[in-house]
């Protein structure tokens, strides 16, 4: 017997490929949020440094935030596009996603 109503949100996928794709999508979303957040931190610290003077600590925070943001963001963007492409291909092939 199925206890789900039509307006219930879908549960986790049972197909291992779809389950793994959902995990990659969540990781990509978190990586993008973290990467963009680090870029925002770098921009804010840059303007703080612009107003107060660029000492060594300010420059270090900017460089580290930009580097860490890039390390997080680049693979997250690629993974996000990969998940979207896989979903699109499944829809085009008539598979239920």
PDB file of N, CA and C in Angstrom:
ATOM      1  N   UNK A   1       0.845  -1.188   0.000  1.00  0.00           N
ATOM      2  CA  UNK A   1       0.000   0.000   0.000  1.00  0.00           C
ATOM      3  C   UNK A   1       0.879   1.235   0.000  1.00  0.00           C
ATOM      4  N   UNK A   2       0.518   2.217  -0.775  1.00  0.00           N
ATOM      5  CA  UNK A   2       1.283   3.451  -0.901  1.00  0.00           C
ATOM      6  C   UNK A   2       0.650   4.521  -0.019  1.00  0.00           C
ATOM      7  N   UNK A   3       1.397   5.020   0.966  1.00  0.00           N
ATOM      8  CA  UNK A   3       0.880   6.036   1.888  1.00  0.00           C
ATOM      9  C   UNK A   3       1.162   7.456   1.423  1.00  0.00           C
ATOM     10  N   UNK A   4       1.773   7.615   0.243  1.00  0.00           N
ATOM     11  CA  UNK A   4       2.107   8.962  -0.234  1.00  0.00           C
ATOM     12  C   UNK A   4       0.905   9.622  -0.880  1.00  0.00           C
ATOM     13  N   UNK A   5       0.776  10.901  -0.636  1.00  0.00           N
ATOM     14  CA  UNK A   5      -0.239  11.699  -1.316  1.00  0.00           C
ATOM     15  C   UNK A   5       0.414  12.354  -2.522  1.00  0.00           C
ATOM     16  N   UNK A   6      -0.364  12.772  -3.509  1.00  0.00           N
ATOM     17  CA  UNK A   6       0.227  13.374  -4.709  1.00  0.00           C
ATOM     18  C   UNK A   6       0.996  14.667  -4.424  1.00  0.00           C
ATOM     19  N   UNK A   7       0.644  15.390  -3.354  1.00  0.00           N
ATOM     20  CA  UNK A   7       1.316  16.658  -3.077  1.00  0.00           C
ATOM     21  C   UNK A   7       2.523  16.489  -2.152  1.00  0.00           C
ATOM     22  N   UNK A   8       2.825  15.252  -1.729  1.00  0.00           N
ATOM     23  CA  UNK A   8       4.006  15.010  -0.902  1.00  0.00           C
ATOM     24  C   UNK A   8       5.271  15.217  -1.733  1.00  0.00           C
ATOM     25  N   UNK A   9       6.321  15.772  -1.126  1.00  0.00           N
ATOM     26  CA  UNK A   9       7.572  15.897  -1.866  1.00  0.00           C
ATOM     27  C   UNK A   9       8.163  14.516  -2.130  1.00  0.00           C
ATOM     28  N   UNK A  10       8.890  14.378  -3.226  1.00  0.00           N
ATOM     29  CA  UNK A  10       9.450  13.062  -3.528  1.00  0.00           C
ATOM     30  C   UNK A  10      10.503  12.675  -2.496  1.00  0.00           C
ATOM     31  N   UNK A  11      10.582  11.388  -2.215  1.00  0.00           N
ATOM     32  CA  UNK A  11      11.588  10.884  -1.286  1.00  0.00           C
ATOM     33  C   UNK A  11      12.920  10.723  -1.996  1.00  0.00           C
ATOM     34  N   UNK A  12      13.897  10.191  -1.287  1.00  0.00           N
ATOM     35  CA  UNK A  12      15.185   9.980  -1.931  1.00  0.00           C
ATOM     36  C   UNK A  12      15.069   8.939  -3.035  1.00  0.00           C
ATOM     37  N   UNK A  13      15.832   9.133  -4.111  1.00  0.00           N
ATOM     38  CA  UNK A  13      15.732   8.178  -5.218  1.00  0.00           C
ATOM     39  C   UNK A  13      16.222   6.792  -4.795  1.00  0.00           C
ATOM     40  N   UNK A  14      15.618   5.758  -5.388  1.00  0.00           N
ATOM     41  CA  UNK A  14      16.028   4.395  -5.072  1.00  0.00           C
ATOM     42  C   UNK A  14      17.091   3.884  -6.036  1.00  0.00           C
ATOM     43  N   UNK A  15      17.159   4.448  -7.226  1.00  0.00           N
ATOM     44  CA  UNK A  15      18.184   4.079  -8.205  1.00  0.00           C
ATOM     45  C   UNK A  15      19.546   4.562  -7.695  1.00  0.00           C
ATOM     46  N   UNK A  16      20.561   3.695  -7.644  1.00  0.00           N
ATOM     47  CA  UNK A  16      21.862   4.117  -7.116  1.00  0.00           C
ATOM     48  C   UNK A  16      22.508   5.239  -7.930  1.00  0.00           C
ATOM     49  N   UNK A  17      22.263   5.269  -9.237  1.00  0.00           N
ATOM     50  CA  UNK A  17      22.830   6.337 -10.065  1.00  0.00           C
ATOM     51  C   UNK A  17      22.170   7.669  -9.712  1.00  0.00           C
ATOM     52  N   UNK A  18      20.849   7.660  -9.575  1.00  0.00           N
ATOM     53  CA  UNK A  18      20.141   8.889  -9.217  1.00  0.00           C
ATOM     54  C   UNK A  18      20.485   9.333  -7.800  1.00  0.00           C
ATOM     55  N   UNK A  19      20.675   8.364  -6.903  1.00  0.00           N
ATOM     56  CA  UNK A  19      21.048   8.702  -5.528  1.00  0.00           C
ATOM     57  C   UNK A  19      22.429   9.365  -5.509  1.00  0.00           C
ATOM     58  N   UNK A  20      23.377   8.813  -6.268  1.00  0.00           N
ATOM     59  CA  UNK A  20      24.720   9.397  -6.339  1.00  0.00           C
ATOM     60  C   UNK A  20      24.669  10.773  -6.994  1.00  0.00           C
ATOM     61  N   UNK A  21      23.838  10.921  -8.014  1.00  0.00           N
ATOM     62  CA  UNK A  21      23.699  12.219  -8.686  1.00  0.00           C
ATOM     63  C   UNK A  21      23.150  13.267  -7.715  1.00  0.00           C
ATOM     64  N   UNK A  22      22.214  12.862  -6.869  1.00  0.00           N
ATOM     65  CA  UNK A  22      21.671  13.789  -5.868  1.00  0.00           C
ATOM     66  C   UNK A  22      22.746  14.181  -4.856  1.00  0.00           C
ATOM     67  N   UNK A  23      23.600  13.234  -4.481  1.00  0.00           N
ATOM     68  CA  UNK A  23      24.705  13.556  -3.565  1.00  0.00           C
ATOM     69  C   UNK A  23      25.670  14.540  -4.203  1.00  0.00           C
ATOM     70  N   UNK A  24      25.999  14.327  -5.468  1.00  0.00           N
ATOM     71  CA  UNK A  24      26.911  15.234  -6.175  1.00  0.00           C
ATOM     72  C   UNK A  24      26.276  16.610  -6.302  1.00  0.00           C
ATOM     73  N   UNK A  25      24.976  16.642  -6.559  1.00  0.00           N
ATOM     74  CA  UNK A  25      24.282  17.924  -6.679  1.00  0.00           C
ATOM     75  C   UNK A  25      24.324  18.691  -5.352  1.00  0.00           C
ATOM     76  N   UNK A  26      24.099  18.002  -4.231  1.00  0.00           N
ATOM     77  CA  UNK A  26      24.174  18.660  -2.921  1.00  0.00           C
ATOM     78  C   UNK A  26      25.582  19.167  -2.640  1.00  0.00           C
ATOM     79  N   UNK A  27      26.579  18.352  -2.941  1.00  0.00           N
ATOM     80  CA  UNK A  27      27.977  18.767  -2.722  1.00  0.00           C
ATOM     81  C   UNK A  27      28.327  19.955  -3.604  1.00  0.00           C
ATOM     82  N   UNK A  28      27.862  19.951  -4.838  1.00  0.00           N
ATOM     83  CA  UNK A  28      28.136  21.066  -5.749  1.00  0.00           C
ATOM     84  C   UNK A  28      27.473  22.349  -5.249  1.00  0.00           C
ATOM     85  N   UNK A  29      26.246  22.219  -4.766  1.00  0.00           N
ATOM     86  CA  UNK A  29      25.542  23.391  -4.240  1.00  0.00           C
ATOM     87  C   UNK A  29      26.282  23.974  -3.034  1.00  0.00           C
ATOM     88  N   UNK A  30      26.735  23.094  -2.131  1.00  0.00           N
ATOM     89  CA  UNK A  30      27.497  23.565  -0.968  1.00  0.00           C
ATOM     90  C   UNK A  30      28.821  24.192  -1.388  1.00  0.00           C
ATOM     91  N   UNK A  31      29.495  23.579  -2.353  1.00  0.00           N
ATOM     92  CA  UNK A  31      30.756  24.133  -2.843  1.00  0.00           C
ATOM     93  C   UNK A  31      30.575  25.499  -3.478  1.00  0.00           C
ATOM     94  N   UNK A  32      29.493  25.662  -4.228  1.00  0.00           N
ATOM     95  CA  UNK A  32      29.226  26.968  -4.833  1.00  0.00           C
ATOM     96  C   UNK A  32      28.935  28.018  -3.767  1.00  0.00           C
ATOM     97  N   UNK A  33      28.124  27.660  -2.788  1.00  0.00           N
ATOM     98  CA  UNK A  33      27.829  28.616  -1.718  1.00  0.00           C
ATOM     99  C   UNK A  33      29.089  29.011  -0.973  1.00  0.00           C
ATOM    100  N   UNK A  34      29.910  28.018  -0.641  1.00  0.00           N
ATOM    101  CA  UNK A  34      31.152  28.306   0.074  1.00  0.00           C
ATOM    102  C   UNK A  34      32.113  29.133  -0.758  1.00  0.00           C
ATOM    103  N   UNK A  35      32.248  28.793  -2.036  1.00  0.00           N
ATOM    104  CA  UNK A  35      33.148  29.543  -2.914  1.00  0.00           C
ATOM    105  C   UNK A  35      32.714  30.980  -3.090  1.00  0.00           C
ATOM    106  N   UNK A  36      31.439  31.180  -3.364  1.00  0.00           N
ATOM    107  CA  UNK A  36      30.943  32.547  -3.520  1.00  0.00           C
ATOM    108  C   UNK A  36      31.034  33.327  -2.210  1.00  0.00           C
ATOM    109  N   UNK A  37      30.794  32.659  -1.094  1.00  0.00           N
ATOM    110  CA  UNK A  37      30.928  33.319   0.207  1.00  0.00           C
ATOM    111  C   UNK A  37      32.362  33.788   0.427  1.00  0.00           C
ATOM    112  N   UNK A  38      33.326  32.955   0.081  1.00  0.00           N
ATOM    113  CA  UNK A  38      34.723  33.364   0.231  1.00  0.00           C
ATOM    114  C   UNK A  38      35.068  34.534  -0.688  1.00  0.00           C
ATOM    115  N   UNK A  39      34.492  34.572  -1.881  1.00  0.00           N
ATOM    116  CA  UNK A  39      34.710  35.723  -2.759  1.00  0.00           C
ATOM    117  C   UNK A  39      34.109  36.993  -2.161  1.00  0.00           C
ATOM    118  N   UNK A  40      32.941  36.861  -1.553  1.00  0.00           N
ATOM    119  CA  UNK A  40      32.326  38.019  -0.892  1.00  0.00           C
ATOM    120  C   UNK A  40      33.208  38.499   0.259  1.00  0.00           C
ATOM    121  N   UNK A  41      33.738  37.560   1.032  1.00  0.00           N
ATOM    122  CA  UNK A  41      34.649  37.928   2.129  1.00  0.00           C
ATOM    123  C   UNK A  41      35.852  38.671   1.572  1.00  0.00           C
ATOM    124  N   UNK A  42      36.418  38.175   0.464  1.00  0.00           N
ATOM    125  CA  UNK A  42      37.584  38.836  -0.131  1.00  0.00           C
ATOM    126  C   UNK A  42      37.247  40.253  -0.586  1.00  0.00           C
ATOM    127  N   UNK A  43      36.078  40.443  -1.170  1.00  0.00           N
ATOM    128  CA  UNK A  43      35.685  41.780  -1.641  1.00  0.00           C
ATOM    129  C   UNK A  43      35.466  42.724  -0.462  1.00  0.00           C
ATOM    130  N   UNK A  44      34.782  42.235   0.568  1.00  0.00           N
ATOM    131  CA  UNK A  44      34.536  43.087   1.744  1.00  0.00           C
ATOM    132  C   UNK A  44      35.856  43.469   2.404  1.00  0.00           C
ATOM    133  N   UNK A  45      36.744  42.496   2.577  1.00  0.00           N
ATOM    134  CA  UNK A  45      38.033  42.793   3.201  1.00  0.00           C
ATOM    135  C   UNK A  45      38.853  43.731   2.314  1.00  0.00           C
ATOM    136  N   UNK A  46      38.730  43.596   0.998  1.00  0.00           N
ATOM    137  CA  UNK A  46      39.422  44.513   0.096  1.00  0.00           C
ATOM    138  C   UNK A  46      38.969  45.946   0.341  1.00  0.00           C
ATOM    139  N   UNK A  47      37.657  46.164   0.426  1.00  0.00           N
ATOM    140  CA  UNK A  47      37.171  47.523   0.642  1.00  0.00           C
ATOM    141  C   UNK A  47      37.519  48.036   2.033  1.00  0.00           C
ATOM    142  N   UNK A  48      37.537  47.145   3.018  1.00  0.00           N
ATOM    143  CA  UNK A  48      37.997  47.543   4.350  1.00  0.00           C
ATOM    144  C   UNK A  48      39.458  47.960   4.273  1.00  0.00           C
ATOM    145  N   UNK A  49      40.267  47.176   3.594  1.00  0.00           N
ATOM    146  CA  UNK A  49      41.670  47.520   3.422  1.00  0.00           C
ATOM    147  C   UNK A  49      41.851  48.788   2.623  1.00  0.00           C
ATOM    148  N   UNK A  50      41.014  49.017   1.641  1.00  0.00           N
ATOM    149  CA  UNK A  50      41.083  50.233   0.839  1.00  0.00           C
ATOM    150  C   UNK A  50      40.820  51.457   1.701  1.00  0.00           C
ATOM    151  N   UNK A  51      39.882  51.310   2.649  1.00  0.00           N
ATOM    152  CA  UNK A  51      39.527  52.447   3.510  1.00  0.00           C
ATOM    153  C   UNK A  51      40.532  52.641   4.635  1.00  0.00           C
ATOM    154  N   UNK A  52      41.127  51.566   5.136  1.00  0.00           N
ATOM    155  CA  UNK A  52      41.982  51.688   6.317  1.00  0.00           C
ATOM    156  C   UNK A  52      43.456  51.481   6.033  1.00  0.00           C
ATOM    157  N   UNK A  53      43.796  50.978   4.878  1.00  0.00           N
ATOM    158  CA  UNK A  53      45.190  50.712   4.551  1.00  0.00           C
ATOM    159  C   UNK A  53      45.434  49.216   4.443  1.00  0.00           C
ATOM    160  N   UNK A  54      46.204  48.857   3.459  1.00  0.00           N
ATOM    161  CA  UNK A  54      46.471  47.445   3.193  1.00  0.00           C
ATOM    162  C   UNK A  54      47.700  46.990   3.972  1.00  0.00           C
ATOM    163  N   UNK A  55      47.469  46.459   5.165  1.00  0.00           N
ATOM    164  CA  UNK A  55      48.592  45.874   5.888  1.00  0.00           C
ATOM    165  C   UNK A  55      48.708  44.398   5.502  1.00  0.00           C
ATOM    166  N   UNK A  56      49.674  43.711   6.036  1.00  0.00           N
ATOM    167  CA  UNK A  56      49.933  42.328   5.662  1.00  0.00           C
ATOM    168  C   UNK A  56      48.776  41.393   5.946  1.00  0.00           C
ATOM    169  N   UNK A  57      48.084  41.605   7.054  1.00  0.00           N
ATOM    170  CA  UNK A  57      46.969  40.733   7.415  1.00  0.00           C
ATOM    171  C   UNK A  57      45.819  40.854   6.429  1.00  0.00           C
ATOM    172  N   UNK A  58      45.508  42.065   6.035  1.00  0.00           N
ATOM    173  CA  UNK A  58      44.403  42.298   5.088  1.00  0.00           C
ATOM    174  C   UNK A  58      44.720  41.635   3.752  1.00  0.00           C
ATOM    175  N   UNK A  59      45.938  41.815   3.285  1.00  0.00           N
ATOM    176  CA  UNK A  59      46.329  41.222   2.009  1.00  0.00           C
ATOM    177  C   UNK A  59      46.297  39.695   2.104  1.00  0.00           C
ATOM    178  N   UNK A  60      46.764  39.151   3.209  1.00  0.00           N
ATOM    179  CA  UNK A  60      46.755  37.698   3.394  1.00  0.00           C
ATOM    180  C   UNK A  60      45.333  37.153   3.383  1.00  0.00           C
ATOM    181  N   UNK A  61      44.419  37.824   4.076  1.00  0.00           N
ATOM    182  CA  UNK A  61      43.018  37.370   4.105  1.00  0.00           C
ATOM    183  C   UNK A  61      42.422  37.415   2.703  1.00  0.00           C
ATOM    184  N   UNK A  62      42.710  38.466   1.952  1.00  0.00           N
ATOM    185  CA  UNK A  62      42.172  38.580   0.590  1.00  0.00           C
ATOM    186  C   UNK A  62      42.701  37.455  -0.289  1.00  0.00           C
ATOM    187  N   UNK A  63      43.998  37.232  -0.253  1.00  0.00           N
ATOM    188  CA  UNK A  63      44.601  36.201  -1.111  1.00  0.00           C
ATOM    189  C   UNK A  63      44.113  34.807  -0.724  1.00  0.00           C
ATOM    190  N   UNK A  64      44.070  34.520   0.561  1.00  0.00           N
ATOM    191  CA  UNK A  64      43.614  33.194   1.010  1.00  0.00           C
ATOM    192  C   UNK A  64      42.142  32.990   0.656  1.00  0.00           C
ATOM    193  N   UNK A  65      41.315  34.003   0.858  1.00  0.00           N
ATOM    194  CA  UNK A  65      39.892  33.874   0.529  1.00  0.00           C
ATOM    195  C   UNK A  65      39.691  33.666  -0.966  1.00  0.00           C
ATOM    196  N   UNK A  66      40.445  34.380  -1.790  1.00  0.00           N
ATOM    197  CA  UNK A  66      40.326  34.208  -3.247  1.00  0.00           C
ATOM    198  C   UNK A  66      40.806  32.821  -3.678  1.00  0.00           C
ATOM    199  N   UNK A  67      41.907  32.368  -3.109  1.00  0.00           N
ATOM    200  CA  UNK A  67      42.438  31.052  -3.485  1.00  0.00           C
ATOM    201  C   UNK A  67      41.498  29.938  -3.025  1.00  0.00           C
ATOM    202  N   UNK A  68      41.049  29.998  -1.789  1.00  0.00           N
ATOM    203  CA  UNK A  68      40.148  28.965  -1.275  1.00  0.00           C
ATOM    204  C   UNK A  68      38.807  28.999  -2.014  1.00  0.00           C
ATOM    205  N   UNK A  69      38.314  30.192  -2.321  1.00  0.00           N
ATOM    206  CA  UNK A  69      37.070  30.302  -3.084  1.00  0.00           C
ATOM    207  C   UNK A  69      37.201  29.686  -4.461  1.00  0.00           C
ATOM    208  N   UNK A  70      38.336  29.884  -5.102  1.00  0.00           N
ATOM    209  CA  UNK A  70      38.564  29.297  -6.420  1.00  0.00           C
ATOM    210  C   UNK A  70      38.653  27.782  -6.345  1.00  0.00           C
ATOM    211  N   UNK A  71      39.336  27.279  -5.320  1.00  0.00           N
ATOM    212  CA  UNK A  71      39.472  25.831  -5.154  1.00  0.00           C
ATOM    213  C   UNK A  71      38.112  25.188  -4.915  1.00  0.00           C
ATOM    214  N   UNK A  72      37.248  25.845  -4.173  1.00  0.00           N
ATOM    215  CA  UNK A  72      35.905  25.306  -3.926  1.00  0.00           C
ATOM    216  C   UNK A  72      34.984  25.483  -5.134  1.00  0.00           C
ATOM    217  N   UNK A  73      35.048  26.648  -5.738  1.00  0.00           N
ATOM    218  CA  UNK A  73      34.053  27.012  -6.738  1.00  0.00           C
ATOM    219  C   UNK A  73      34.250  26.313  -8.080  1.00  0.00           C
ATOM    220  N   UNK A  74      35.475  26.182  -8.536  1.00  0.00           N
ATOM    221  CA  UNK A  74      35.712  25.616  -9.874  1.00  0.00           C
ATOM    222  C   UNK A  74      35.143  24.201 -10.017  1.00  0.00           C
ATOM    223  N   UNK A  75      35.503  23.255  -9.159  1.00  0.00           N
ATOM    224  CA  UNK A  75      34.924  21.917  -9.339  1.00  0.00           C
ATOM    225  C   UNK A  75      33.424  21.873  -9.051  1.00  0.00           C
ATOM    226  N   UNK A  76      32.943  22.753  -8.175  1.00  0.00           N
ATOM    227  CA  UNK A  76      31.509  22.772  -7.876  1.00  0.00           C
ATOM    228  C   UNK A  76      30.702  23.207  -9.096  1.00  0.00           C
ATOM    229  N   UNK A  77      31.208  24.178  -9.838  1.00  0.00           N
ATOM    230  CA  UNK A  77      30.512  24.627 -11.045  1.00  0.00           C
ATOM    231  C   UNK A  77      30.511  23.522 -12.089  1.00  0.00           C
ATOM    232  N   UNK A  78      31.642  22.859 -12.269  1.00  0.00           N
ATOM    233  CA  UNK A  78      31.722  21.766 -13.247  1.00  0.00           C
ATOM    234  C   UNK A  78      30.766  20.637 -12.852  1.00  0.00           C
ATOM    235  N   UNK A  79      30.740  20.261 -11.577  1.00  0.00           N
ATOM    236  CA  UNK A  79      29.854  19.196 -11.119  1.00  0.00           C
ATOM    237  C   UNK A  79      28.390  19.588 -11.297  1.00  0.00           C
ATOM    238  N   UNK A  80      28.066  20.843 -11.040  1.00  0.00           N
ATOM    239  CA  UNK A  80      26.692  21.306 -11.205  1.00  0.00           C
ATOM    240  C   UNK A  80      26.248  21.198 -12.659  1.00  0.00           C
ATOM    241  N   UNK A  81      27.113  21.615 -13.594  1.00  0.00           N
ATOM    242  CA  UNK A  81      26.783  21.485 -15.013  1.00  0.00           C
ATOM    243  C   UNK A  81      26.670  20.018 -15.425  1.00  0.00           C
ATOM    244  N   UNK A  82      27.507  19.162 -14.852  1.00  0.00           N
ATOM    245  CA  UNK A  82      27.452  17.738 -15.179  1.00  0.00           C
ATOM    246  C   UNK A  82      26.126  17.126 -14.733  1.00  0.00           C
ATOM    247  N   UNK A  83      25.682  17.473 -13.542  1.00  0.00           N
ATOM    248  CA  UNK A  83      24.400  16.949 -13.045  1.00  0.00           C
ATOM    249  C   UNK A  83      23.251  17.444 -13.916  1.00  0.00           C
ATOM    250  N   UNK A  84      23.283  18.717 -14.274  1.00  0.00           N
ATOM    251  CA  UNK A  84      22.220  19.264 -15.127  1.00  0.00           C
ATOM    252  C   UNK A  84      22.213  18.586 -16.491  1.00  0.00           C
ATOM    253  N   UNK A  85      23.404  18.340 -17.049  1.00  0.00           N
ATOM    254  CA  UNK A  85      23.484  17.679 -18.358  1.00  0.00           C
ATOM    255  C   UNK A  85      22.971  16.238 -18.268  1.00  0.00           C
ATOM    256  N   UNK A  86      23.305  15.544 -17.202  1.00  0.00           N
ATOM    257  CA  UNK A  86      22.827  14.170 -17.033  1.00  0.00           C
ATOM    258  C   UNK A  86      21.310  14.137 -16.887  1.00  0.00           C
ATOM    259  N   UNK A  87      20.755  15.068 -16.119  1.00  0.00           N
ATOM    260  CA  UNK A  87      19.297  15.142 -15.974  1.00  0.00           C
ATOM    261  C   UNK A  87      18.634  15.443 -17.312  1.00  0.00           C
ATOM    262  N   UNK A  88      19.209  16.382 -18.070  1.00  0.00           N
ATOM    263  CA  UNK A  88      18.651  16.741 -19.373  1.00  0.00           C
ATOM    264  C   UNK A  88      18.704  15.545 -20.329  1.00  0.00           C
ATOM    265  N   UNK A  89      19.819  14.816 -20.327  1.00  0.00           N
ATOM    266  CA  UNK A  89      19.935  13.646 -21.193  1.00  0.00           C
ATOM    267  C   UNK A  89      18.926  12.566 -20.805  1.00  0.00           C
ATOM    268  N   UNK A  90      18.737  12.363 -19.516  1.00  0.00           N
ATOM    269  CA  UNK A  90      17.737  11.384 -19.073  1.00  0.00           C
ATOM    270  C   UNK A  90      16.346  11.773 -19.557  1.00  0.00           C
ATOM    271  N   UNK A  91      16.003  13.059 -19.452  1.00  0.00           N
ATOM    272  CA  UNK A  91      14.682  13.510 -19.923  1.00  0.00           C
ATOM    273  C   UNK A  91      14.546  13.318 -21.426  1.00  0.00           C
ATOM    274  N   UNK A  92      15.611  13.637 -22.184  1.00  0.00           N
ATOM    275  CA  UNK A  92      15.547  13.489 -23.637  1.00  0.00           C
ATOM    276  C   UNK A  92      15.411  12.022 -24.058  1.00  0.00           C
ATOM    277  N   UNK A  93      15.982  11.120 -23.256  1.00  0.00           N
ATOM    278  CA  UNK A  93      15.905   9.689 -23.559  1.00  0.00           C
ATOM    279  C   UNK A  93      14.606   9.075 -23.056  1.00  0.00           C
ATOM    280  N   UNK A  94      13.778   9.869 -22.370  1.00  0.00           N
ATOM    281  CA  UNK A  94      12.489   9.395 -21.896  1.00  0.00           C
ATOM    282  C   UNK A  94      12.560   8.673 -20.562  1.00  0.00           C
ATOM    283  N   UNK A  95      13.670   8.791 -19.864  1.00  0.00           N
ATOM    284  CA  UNK A  95      13.789   8.163 -18.558  1.00  0.00           C
ATOM    285  C   UNK A  95      13.180   9.084 -17.514  1.00  0.00           C
ATOM    286  N   UNK A  96      12.540   8.495 -16.533  1.00  0.00           N
ATOM    287  CA  UNK A  96      11.929   9.281 -15.449  1.00  0.00           C
ATOM    288  C   UNK A  96      13.008   9.716 -14.483  1.00  0.00           C
ATOM    289  N   UNK A  97      13.135  11.032 -14.295  1.00  0.00           N
ATOM    290  CA  UNK A  97      14.164  11.573 -13.397  1.00  0.00           C
ATOM    291  C   UNK A  97      13.520  12.108 -12.156  1.00  0.00           C
TER     292      UNK A  97
END
